[in-house]
């Protein structure tokens, strides 16, 4: 289901592709375009209907097996953070406010869950490293894990997830690192005499 828009005062030469392109900017998805044609002449009558995709809370909650109220709270947080916007009307719902390529997973996770790693935020971990000498090495590992997670999440957009490109980019990076490691000079270990 989506939101159907009336578009009037169109040039008679306007095509469905041109309308789809005009309305699909800013990360919005167009589900259908119908230019109304004159039966006798076959020419455009100068108006069209464009249907925009929206997601209804009830449908998403059912498909993802989530409580509806829980999903409503998440969407409210996303709306307040200006990541999604609500669409009013009988076929209303929520849609992205920005293109998917401009919305990063780190932004969503920080908004919904707080720090990116289960060990706390970076400042908290740095403080523990400075204060707790006995567990310093463990906190450094936690900070390294947090930093690695942050790097991945800060460079992965919703568009990457939808297109699957993030997975391919990670595989390509691993192949490059493997080649670099294979072509490099490895240290030689010579057993010493005791």
Protein backbone atom coordinates (compact mmCIF):
# COMPACT_ATOMS: atom_id res chain seq x y z
CA UNK A 1 0.00 0.00 0.00
CA UNK A 2 1.14 3.51 -0.65
CA UNK A 3 0.11 7.11 -0.96
CA UNK A 4 -1.46 8.07 -4.29
CA UNK A 5 -0.76 11.60 -5.52
CA UNK A 6 -2.60 13.56 -8.17
CA UNK A 7 -0.24 15.43 -10.51
CA UNK A 8 -1.84 18.03 -12.77
CA UNK A 9 -0.83 20.59 -15.41
CA UNK A 10 1.51 18.15 -17.12
CA UNK A 11 3.02 18.79 -20.50
CA UNK A 12 1.43 16.47 -23.05
CA UNK A 13 4.87 14.98 -23.79
CA UNK A 14 5.58 13.98 -20.18
CA UNK A 15 6.44 10.27 -19.88
CA UNK A 16 5.91 7.83 -17.02
CA UNK A 17 9.69 7.45 -16.71
CA UNK A 18 10.13 11.22 -16.33
CA UNK A 19 7.48 11.33 -13.58
CA UNK A 20 9.00 8.31 -11.82
CA UNK A 21 12.41 9.98 -11.86
CA UNK A 22 11.03 13.31 -10.63
CA UNK A 23 9.26 11.73 -7.66
CA UNK A 24 11.86 9.10 -6.72
CA UNK A 25 14.49 11.61 -5.58
CA UNK A 26 15.62 11.87 -1.96
CA UNK A 27 15.35 8.14 -1.32
CA UNK A 28 11.62 7.87 -1.98
CA UNK A 29 10.25 4.84 -3.78
CA UNK A 30 7.62 5.17 -6.50
CA UNK A 31 5.47 2.05 -6.83
CA UNK A 32 3.41 3.09 -9.87
CA UNK A 33 2.86 5.93 -12.32
CA UNK A 34 -0.31 6.28 -14.41
CA UNK A 35 -0.60 9.07 -16.97
CA UNK A 36 -4.25 9.43 -17.91
CA UNK A 37 -4.65 9.18 -21.67
CA UNK A 38 -7.46 10.35 -23.93
CA UNK A 39 -9.24 7.32 -25.40
CA UNK A 40 -9.83 8.89 -28.79
CA UNK A 41 -6.53 10.66 -29.46
CA UNK A 42 -4.19 8.51 -27.38
CA UNK A 43 -2.53 11.68 -26.03
CA UNK A 44 -2.01 12.57 -22.41
CA UNK A 45 -4.89 14.44 -20.83
CA UNK A 46 -2.40 16.52 -18.82
CA UNK A 47 -2.62 14.75 -15.46
CA UNK A 48 -1.38 11.59 -13.78
CA UNK A 49 -1.39 9.60 -10.55
CA UNK A 50 1.86 8.70 -8.81
CA UNK A 51 1.80 6.10 -6.04
CA UNK A 52 4.52 6.37 -3.41
CA UNK A 53 5.58 3.44 -1.26
CA UNK A 54 5.01 3.73 2.47
CA UNK A 55 5.28 1.17 5.22
CA UNK A 56 2.45 0.60 7.68
CA UNK A 57 3.40 -0.22 11.25
CA UNK A 58 0.97 -3.13 11.49
CA UNK A 59 2.34 -4.79 8.33
CA UNK A 60 5.99 -4.35 9.29
CA UNK A 61 5.38 -5.58 12.85
CA UNK A 62 3.63 -8.68 11.54
CA UNK A 63 6.32 -9.44 8.92
CA UNK A 64 9.17 -8.96 11.40
CA UNK A 65 7.36 -10.66 14.31
CA UNK A 66 7.66 -7.60 16.55
CA UNK A 67 5.13 -6.16 18.99
CA UNK A 68 3.36 -3.27 17.27
CA UNK A 69 3.84 -0.88 20.23
CA UNK A 70 7.60 -1.63 20.30
CA UNK A 71 7.88 -0.78 16.59
CA UNK A 72 5.83 2.40 17.11
CA UNK A 73 8.32 3.59 19.75
CA UNK A 74 11.27 2.91 17.45
CA UNK A 75 9.61 4.75 14.56
CA UNK A 76 8.81 7.67 16.86
CA UNK A 77 12.50 7.91 17.81
CA UNK A 78 13.49 7.72 14.14
CA UNK A 79 10.94 10.43 13.31
CA UNK A 80 12.17 12.72 16.10
CA UNK A 81 15.72 12.24 14.78
CA UNK A 82 14.46 13.20 11.29
CA UNK A 83 15.43 9.85 9.74
CA UNK A 84 11.85 8.95 8.75
CA UNK A 85 8.72 11.01 8.23
CA UNK A 86 5.11 10.05 8.63
CA UNK A 87 2.67 10.13 5.74
CA UNK A 88 -0.91 10.95 6.68
CA UNK A 89 -4.07 9.54 5.26
CA UNK A 90 -5.84 6.22 4.91
CA UNK A 91 -2.83 4.71 3.16
CA UNK A 92 -0.27 6.61 5.21
CA UNK A 93 2.73 5.23 7.02
CA UNK A 94 6.42 6.05 7.29
CA UNK A 95 9.08 6.70 4.67
CA UNK A 96 12.73 7.67 4.76
CA UNK A 97 13.34 11.38 4.96
CA UNK A 98 16.79 11.19 3.38
CA UNK A 99 18.26 8.94 0.70
CA UNK A 100 19.28 5.51 2.06
CA UNK A 101 22.87 6.23 1.03
CA UNK A 102 22.99 9.09 3.57
CA UNK A 103 21.70 7.08 6.56
CA UNK A 104 24.40 5.07 8.33
CA UNK A 105 23.87 2.15 10.70
CA UNK A 106 25.92 3.87 13.41
CA UNK A 107 23.40 6.74 13.51
CA UNK A 108 20.46 4.37 13.93
CA UNK A 109 22.14 2.15 16.53
CA UNK A 110 23.31 5.10 18.63
CA UNK A 111 19.81 6.53 18.51
CA UNK A 112 18.01 3.31 19.48
CA UNK A 113 20.55 1.50 21.68
CA UNK A 114 23.12 4.09 22.74
CA UNK A 115 26.83 3.20 22.44
CA UNK A 116 27.88 1.07 19.48
CA UNK A 117 29.45 -1.69 21.54
CA UNK A 118 28.10 -3.56 24.56
CA UNK A 119 31.14 -2.42 26.57
CA UNK A 120 30.18 1.24 26.82
CA UNK A 121 31.23 4.28 24.86
CA UNK A 122 34.81 5.13 23.92
CA UNK A 123 35.29 7.79 26.61
CA UNK A 124 34.07 5.43 29.32
CA UNK A 125 36.52 2.74 28.17
CA UNK A 126 39.44 5.20 27.97
CA UNK A 127 38.66 6.30 31.51
CA UNK A 128 38.69 2.69 32.71
CA UNK A 129 42.02 2.08 30.94
CA UNK A 130 43.53 5.07 32.80
CA UNK A 131 42.05 4.21 36.21
CA UNK A 132 42.11 0.41 36.43
CA UNK A 133 45.68 -0.83 35.93
CA UNK A 134 44.81 -4.41 36.86
CA UNK A 135 42.27 -4.76 34.03
CA UNK A 136 43.86 -2.30 31.59
CA UNK A 137 44.67 -4.94 28.94
CA UNK A 138 41.10 -6.22 28.94
CA UNK A 139 39.66 -2.71 28.58
CA UNK A 140 42.06 -2.04 25.67
CA UNK A 141 40.67 -5.12 23.91
CA UNK A 142 37.13 -3.86 24.55
CA UNK A 143 38.10 -0.45 23.12
CA UNK A 144 39.62 -2.09 20.04
CA UNK A 145 36.42 -4.11 19.52
CA UNK A 146 34.32 -0.96 19.94
CA UNK A 147 36.51 0.99 17.48
CA UNK A 148 36.35 -1.81 14.87
CA UNK A 149 32.55 -2.02 15.20
CA UNK A 150 32.27 1.77 14.94
CA UNK A 151 34.40 1.87 11.76
CA UNK A 152 32.19 -0.73 10.06
CA UNK A 153 28.88 0.78 11.21
CA UNK A 154 29.93 4.36 10.36
CA UNK A 155 30.73 3.32 6.78
CA UNK A 156 27.71 1.09 6.14
CA UNK A 157 24.59 2.84 4.86
CA UNK A 158 21.07 1.54 4.46
CA UNK A 159 21.70 1.55 0.71
CA UNK A 160 24.70 -0.76 1.24
CA UNK A 161 22.54 -3.18 3.20
CA UNK A 162 19.74 -3.19 0.64
CA UNK A 163 22.07 -3.60 -2.34
CA UNK A 164 24.43 -6.09 -0.69
CA UNK A 165 27.42 -3.95 -1.72
CA UNK A 166 28.79 -3.79 1.81
CA UNK A 167 29.38 -7.53 1.82
CA UNK A 168 31.19 -7.34 -1.52
CA UNK A 169 33.31 -4.38 -0.34
CA UNK A 170 34.38 -6.28 2.78
CA UNK A 171 35.30 -9.34 0.72
CA UNK A 172 37.35 -7.20 -1.68
CA UNK A 173 39.17 -5.53 1.23
CA UNK A 174 40.01 -8.94 2.74
CA UNK A 175 41.35 -10.16 -0.63
CA UNK A 176 43.54 -7.04 -0.93
CA UNK A 177 44.93 -7.48 2.58
CA UNK A 178 45.62 -11.15 1.92
CA UNK A 179 47.52 -10.30 -1.29
CA UNK A 180 49.52 -7.61 0.53
CA UNK A 181 50.41 -10.06 3.28
CA UNK A 182 51.43 -12.75 0.78
CA UNK A 183 53.62 -10.39 -1.24
CA UNK A 184 55.33 -8.83 1.78
CA UNK A 185 58.53 -10.03 3.41
CA UNK A 186 57.89 -12.29 6.35
CA UNK A 187 60.22 -12.29 9.36
CA UNK A 188 62.46 -15.30 9.66
CA UNK A 189 62.67 -16.98 13.03
CA UNK A 190 65.91 -18.80 13.76
CA UNK A 191 65.92 -20.96 16.84
CA UNK A 192 68.66 -19.92 19.20
CA UNK A 193 70.96 -22.15 21.27
CA UNK A 194 70.55 -22.25 25.00
